[in-house]
Amino acid sequence: MKKIKVFSLIILSAIALTSCKKENEESAKVQVAETTKTETQNDVPAKVETASFTIDGMTCEIGCAKTIESKLSGLEGVEEAKVNFEEKKATVVFDANKQSAESLKSTVEDVAGGDTYTVSDIQVTPKA
């Protein structure tokens, strides 16, 4: 009986060690791939632009304007997003290599199921 316990312990140890090694190798491969991807993205200089547009359909500052501002701010390449509830205007500073005025418009119009907000009067200018 003692021999079976020792043998089982050796087998379990061997399995644990090999599975950990495989996980570490896979983790290292993923980390190298992510680093390469990040370096490649950083090689392209940012093309910073500012988009200003009107948002119709907002009924409150906290629930509407702040939610839209949060969604825009969370997009990759967006440096800054401001939504002014009183003026019904949004201003977004973004990297045109990663976002476009159309993607910003789509993001806003998709908030709350896509039936609540409409975007118009989009003006895009390069940031000086």
Protein backbone atom coordinates (compact mmCIF):
# COMPACT_ATOMS: atom_id res chain seq x y z
CA MET A 1 0.00 0.00 0.00
CA LYS A 2 2.86 2.37 0.84
CA LYS A 3 4.43 1.75 -2.57
CA ILE A 4 1.18 2.72 -4.31
CA LYS A 5 1.01 6.00 -2.37
CA VAL A 6 4.64 6.87 -3.21
CA PHE A 7 4.16 5.94 -6.85
CA SER A 8 0.94 8.02 -7.04
CA LEU A 9 2.69 10.98 -5.44
CA ILE A 10 5.54 10.78 -7.98
CA ILE A 11 3.09 10.62 -10.90
CA LEU A 12 1.04 13.56 -9.64
CA SER A 13 4.19 15.62 -9.09
CA ALA A 14 5.41 14.88 -12.60
CA ILE A 15 2.06 15.87 -14.12
CA ALA A 16 1.92 19.08 -12.10
CA LEU A 17 5.45 20.08 -13.07
CA THR A 18 4.93 19.46 -16.77
CA SER A 19 1.59 21.23 -16.93
CA CYS A 20 3.03 24.28 -15.13
CA LYS A 21 5.92 24.36 -17.59
CA LYS A 22 3.54 24.31 -20.56
CA GLU A 23 1.44 27.11 -19.07
CA ASN A 24 4.56 29.22 -18.49
CA GLU A 25 5.75 28.64 -22.06
CA GLU A 26 2.32 29.57 -23.47
CA SER A 27 2.14 32.62 -21.21
CA ALA A 28 5.59 33.73 -22.41
CA LYS A 29 4.51 33.31 -26.05
CA VAL A 30 1.37 35.40 -25.47
CA GLN A 31 3.39 38.06 -23.66
CA VAL A 32 5.91 38.27 -26.54
CA ALA A 33 3.07 38.52 -29.07
CA GLU A 34 1.38 41.31 -27.09
CA THR A 35 4.67 43.20 -26.75
CA THR A 36 5.30 42.92 -30.49
CA LYS A 37 1.76 44.11 -31.24
CA THR A 38 2.18 47.09 -28.91
CA GLU A 39 5.53 48.01 -30.42
CA THR A 40 4.05 47.80 -33.92
CA GLN A 41 1.16 50.06 -32.94
CA ASN A 42 3.54 52.54 -31.36
CA ASP A 43 5.60 52.73 -34.57
CA VAL A 44 2.75 54.58 -36.29
CA PRO A 45 2.70 58.22 -35.17
CA ALA A 46 -0.61 59.35 -33.76
CA LYS A 47 -2.79 61.34 -36.13
CA VAL A 48 -4.66 63.39 -33.54
CA GLU A 49 -7.92 64.98 -34.62
CA THR A 50 -10.82 66.64 -32.84
CA ALA A 51 -14.41 65.81 -33.68
CA SER A 52 -17.29 68.03 -32.61
CA PHE A 53 -20.90 67.03 -33.12
CA THR A 54 -24.45 67.54 -31.93
CA ILE A 55 -26.27 64.83 -29.97
CA ASP A 56 -30.06 64.86 -30.00
CA GLY A 57 -32.15 62.74 -27.63
CA MET A 58 -30.39 63.48 -24.34
CA THR A 59 -32.85 64.08 -21.50
CA CYS A 60 -30.52 64.37 -18.49
CA GLU A 61 -26.95 65.25 -17.65
CA ILE A 62 -26.01 62.28 -15.49
CA GLY A 63 -27.84 59.44 -17.19
CA CYS A 64 -27.37 60.55 -20.77
CA ALA A 65 -24.44 62.93 -21.18
CA LYS A 66 -22.15 61.19 -18.67
CA THR A 67 -22.96 57.76 -20.06
CA ILE A 68 -22.16 58.85 -23.61
CA GLU A 69 -18.99 60.60 -22.41
CA SER A 70 -17.92 57.41 -20.62
CA LYS A 71 -18.54 55.24 -23.70
CA LEU A 72 -16.53 57.60 -25.93
CA SER A 73 -13.70 57.87 -23.40
CA GLY A 74 -13.42 54.10 -23.26
CA LEU A 75 -12.70 53.72 -26.97
CA GLU A 76 -9.17 52.85 -28.05
CA GLY A 77 -7.34 55.91 -29.31
CA VAL A 78 -9.63 58.44 -27.63
CA GLU A 79 -7.57 60.91 -25.61
CA GLU A 80 -10.45 63.02 -24.31
CA ALA A 81 -14.23 63.11 -24.61
CA LYS A 82 -16.50 65.86 -23.30
CA VAL A 83 -20.28 65.95 -23.62
CA ASN A 84 -22.05 69.22 -22.81
CA PHE A 85 -25.67 68.45 -21.95
CA GLU A 86 -26.86 72.08 -22.07
CA GLU A 87 -25.48 72.70 -25.58
CA LYS A 88 -26.11 69.12 -26.80
CA LYS A 89 -22.53 69.04 -28.06
CA ALA A 90 -19.73 66.51 -27.83
CA THR A 91 -16.04 67.15 -28.41
CA VAL A 92 -13.71 64.19 -28.81
CA VAL A 93 -9.94 64.25 -29.24
CA PHE A 94 -8.86 60.99 -30.86
CA ASP A 95 -6.17 59.20 -32.87
CA ALA A 96 -7.49 58.93 -36.43
CA ASN A 97 -5.36 55.80 -36.92
CA LYS A 98 -7.54 54.02 -34.37
CA GLN A 99 -10.96 55.72 -34.60
CA SER A 100 -12.95 57.72 -37.12
CA ALA A 101 -15.77 60.23 -36.95
CA GLU A 102 -18.07 57.49 -38.19
CA SER A 103 -17.03 55.10 -35.40
CA LEU A 104 -17.60 57.84 -32.82
CA LYS A 105 -21.05 58.50 -34.28
CA SER A 106 -21.86 54.80 -34.25
CA THR A 107 -20.75 54.47 -30.63
CA VAL A 108 -23.03 57.31 -29.51
CA GLU A 109 -26.01 56.10 -31.52
CA ASP A 110 -25.60 52.54 -30.16
CA VAL A 111 -25.84 53.68 -26.52
CA ALA A 112 -29.14 52.67 -24.88
CA GLY A 113 -30.08 50.18 -27.56
CA GLY A 114 -29.62 52.41 -30.58
CA ASP A 115 -33.02 54.12 -30.61
CA THR A 116 -32.41 57.07 -28.28
CA TYR A 117 -29.60 59.30 -29.60
CA THR A 118 -28.84 60.78 -33.01
CA VAL A 119 -25.61 62.46 -34.04
CA SER A 120 -25.45 65.34 -36.55
CA ASP A 121 -23.27 68.27 -37.61
CA ILE A 122 -20.00 66.33 -37.37
CA GLN A 123 -16.92 68.51 -37.82
CA VAL A 124 -13.43 67.02 -37.73
CA THR A 125 -10.27 69.12 -37.50
CA PRO A 126 -6.63 68.09 -37.17
CA LYS A 127 -5.21 68.96 -33.78
CA ALA A 128 -2.49 71.58 -34.00
